[in-house]
Protein backbone atom coordinates (compact mmCIF):
# COMPACT_ATOMS: atom_id res chain seq x y z
CA MET A 1 -25.86 99.38 -64.57
CA ARG A 2 -27.61 96.03 -64.13
CA ILE A 3 -28.71 93.32 -66.52
CA ALA A 4 -32.10 91.77 -65.84
CA ASN A 5 -33.55 88.33 -66.47
CA GLU A 6 -35.94 88.99 -69.33
CA ASP A 7 -38.35 86.19 -68.49
CA ARG A 8 -39.15 88.07 -65.31
CA ILE A 9 -39.87 91.43 -66.91
CA GLY A 10 -41.74 90.15 -69.94
CA LYS A 11 -39.64 91.42 -72.84
CA GLY A 12 -38.80 87.92 -74.09
CA ALA A 13 -35.44 86.22 -74.57
CA GLY A 14 -32.52 88.58 -74.66
CA ALA A 15 -30.84 91.09 -72.39
CA THR A 16 -31.82 94.44 -70.95
CA TRP A 17 -29.33 97.03 -69.78
CA TYR A 18 -30.49 99.65 -67.32
CA GLY A 19 -28.74 102.98 -67.03
CA ASP A 20 -29.42 106.40 -65.59
CA LYS A 21 -31.35 107.45 -68.73
CA GLY A 22 -33.55 104.34 -69.08
CA TRP A 23 -33.14 100.85 -70.50
CA ILE A 24 -32.29 99.17 -73.82
CA HIS A 25 -33.36 95.61 -74.64
CA VAL A 26 -31.98 93.38 -77.41
CA ASN A 27 -33.37 89.96 -78.28
CA ARG A 28 -31.84 87.04 -80.17
CA GLY A 29 -33.28 88.48 -83.40
CA ASN A 30 -31.24 91.64 -82.76
CA THR A 31 -34.39 93.71 -82.27
CA LEU A 32 -33.69 96.73 -80.09
CA THR A 33 -36.31 98.39 -77.92
CA ALA A 34 -35.85 101.10 -75.32
CA SER A 35 -37.71 102.80 -72.51
CA ASP A 36 -37.51 105.94 -74.65
CA PRO A 37 -37.13 105.30 -78.43
CA LYS A 38 -35.02 108.47 -78.66
CA ILE A 39 -32.22 106.58 -76.88
CA LEU A 40 -31.87 104.38 -79.98
CA GLU A 41 -31.44 107.45 -82.19
CA GLU A 42 -28.47 108.83 -80.23
CA VAL A 43 -25.29 109.03 -82.32
CA ILE A 44 -22.03 107.81 -80.82
CA ALA A 45 -19.38 110.47 -81.40
CA ASP A 46 -16.05 109.62 -83.03
CA ASN A 47 -14.23 110.20 -79.72
CA GLU A 48 -16.56 107.85 -77.78
CA ILE A 49 -16.22 104.10 -77.38
CA HIS A 50 -17.44 102.09 -80.38
CA LEU A 51 -18.01 98.37 -80.03
CA TYR A 52 -16.63 95.80 -82.45
CA LYS A 53 -19.55 94.64 -84.58
CA SER A 54 -20.10 91.13 -85.90
CA THR A 55 -23.26 89.65 -87.38
CA ASP A 56 -21.71 86.17 -87.50
CA HIS A 57 -20.00 85.11 -84.24
CA ILE A 58 -19.01 81.67 -85.57
CA GLY A 59 -17.60 83.12 -88.80
CA ASN A 60 -15.85 85.84 -86.78
CA PHE A 61 -14.28 83.19 -84.53
CA LEU A 62 -13.06 81.11 -87.49
CA ASP A 63 -11.68 84.19 -89.26
CA CYS A 64 -9.82 85.19 -86.11
CA VAL A 65 -8.38 81.69 -85.66
CA LYS A 66 -6.85 82.10 -89.13
CA SER A 67 -5.75 85.72 -88.72
CA ARG A 68 -4.89 85.57 -85.00
CA GLY A 69 -7.01 88.72 -84.65
CA GLU A 70 -9.20 89.50 -81.68
CA THR A 71 -12.73 88.11 -81.80
CA VAL A 72 -15.86 90.18 -81.27
CA ALA A 73 -16.20 88.35 -77.94
CA PRO A 74 -12.70 87.95 -76.42
CA VAL A 75 -12.49 84.75 -74.40
CA ASP A 76 -11.91 86.50 -71.06
CA ILE A 77 -14.87 88.82 -71.60
CA ALA A 78 -17.08 85.96 -72.83
CA HIS A 79 -16.08 83.84 -69.82
CA ARG A 80 -16.88 86.61 -67.32
CA SER A 81 -20.14 87.43 -69.11
CA ILE A 82 -21.53 83.90 -69.02
CA SER A 83 -20.25 83.31 -65.48
CA VAL A 84 -22.85 85.73 -64.10
CA GLY A 85 -25.70 83.75 -65.65
CA LEU A 86 -24.27 80.39 -64.61
CA LEU A 87 -23.76 81.55 -61.03
CA GLY A 88 -27.35 82.79 -60.98
CA GLU A 89 -28.49 79.37 -62.19
CA ILE A 90 -26.46 77.68 -59.43
CA ALA A 91 -28.04 79.97 -56.83
CA MET A 92 -31.53 79.20 -58.16
CA SER A 93 -30.81 75.44 -58.34
CA THR A 94 -29.59 75.29 -54.75
CA GLY A 95 -32.09 77.83 -53.43
CA GLN A 96 -29.20 79.54 -51.67
CA LYS A 97 -27.37 82.83 -51.90
CA ILE A 98 -23.81 82.34 -53.05
CA GLN A 99 -20.65 84.39 -52.72
CA TRP A 100 -18.22 84.40 -55.63
CA ASP A 101 -14.49 85.08 -55.49
CA PRO A 102 -13.76 86.45 -58.99
CA VAL A 103 -9.98 86.21 -58.53
CA LYS A 104 -9.92 82.54 -57.47
CA GLN A 105 -13.10 81.83 -59.46
CA GLU A 106 -14.55 79.90 -56.56
CA ILE A 107 -17.81 79.88 -54.65
CA ILE A 108 -17.00 80.77 -51.06
CA GLY A 109 -18.14 78.56 -48.19
CA ASN A 110 -20.77 76.53 -50.04
CA PRO A 111 -19.59 73.03 -51.04
CA LYS A 112 -23.03 72.09 -52.43
CA ALA A 113 -23.01 75.03 -54.85
CA SER A 114 -19.29 74.57 -55.61
CA ARG A 115 -19.94 71.04 -56.89
CA LEU A 116 -22.15 72.56 -59.61
CA LEU A 117 -19.24 74.54 -61.10
CA THR A 118 -18.05 71.47 -62.99
CA ARG A 119 -19.08 67.94 -63.78
CA PRO A 120 -17.18 64.64 -63.87
CA TYR A 121 -15.33 63.97 -67.12
CA ARG A 122 -15.48 60.67 -68.98
CA GLN A 123 -12.19 58.83 -68.80
CA PRO A 124 -9.61 59.34 -70.16
CA TRP A 125 -10.60 63.01 -70.61
CA ASN A 126 -9.70 65.66 -68.05
CA VAL A 127 -8.95 69.32 -67.76
CA PRO A 128 -5.74 70.00 -65.85
CA THR A 129 -5.90 72.68 -63.18
CA ILE A 130 -3.64 75.67 -63.56
């Protein structure tokens, strides 16, 4: 499965997922389209994976802060999801291919690109390294 940059394929802002049966696109307005509209009519069986649904990410986050429940977008999943886009932006900004070490969370062998992973903090603020 791959996720495409929607500006390049002309479906507008959002994300498109490609699978072996076609593609599904969702935009910021939560409008779904598909290569075959029948894909959108498929019913997910009770024994299949169902995703946690939230129509209010901010409200969901605040509710989960209070309840200590899991958010619709767990921090580790959200971090890994946005990392792909940010790494793509770094590659486009530098005009270079980059290699990413997902365990160390470092760009390998490219100091110019690595500098774009963070920015200087205003004093006295800092983020300690783990």
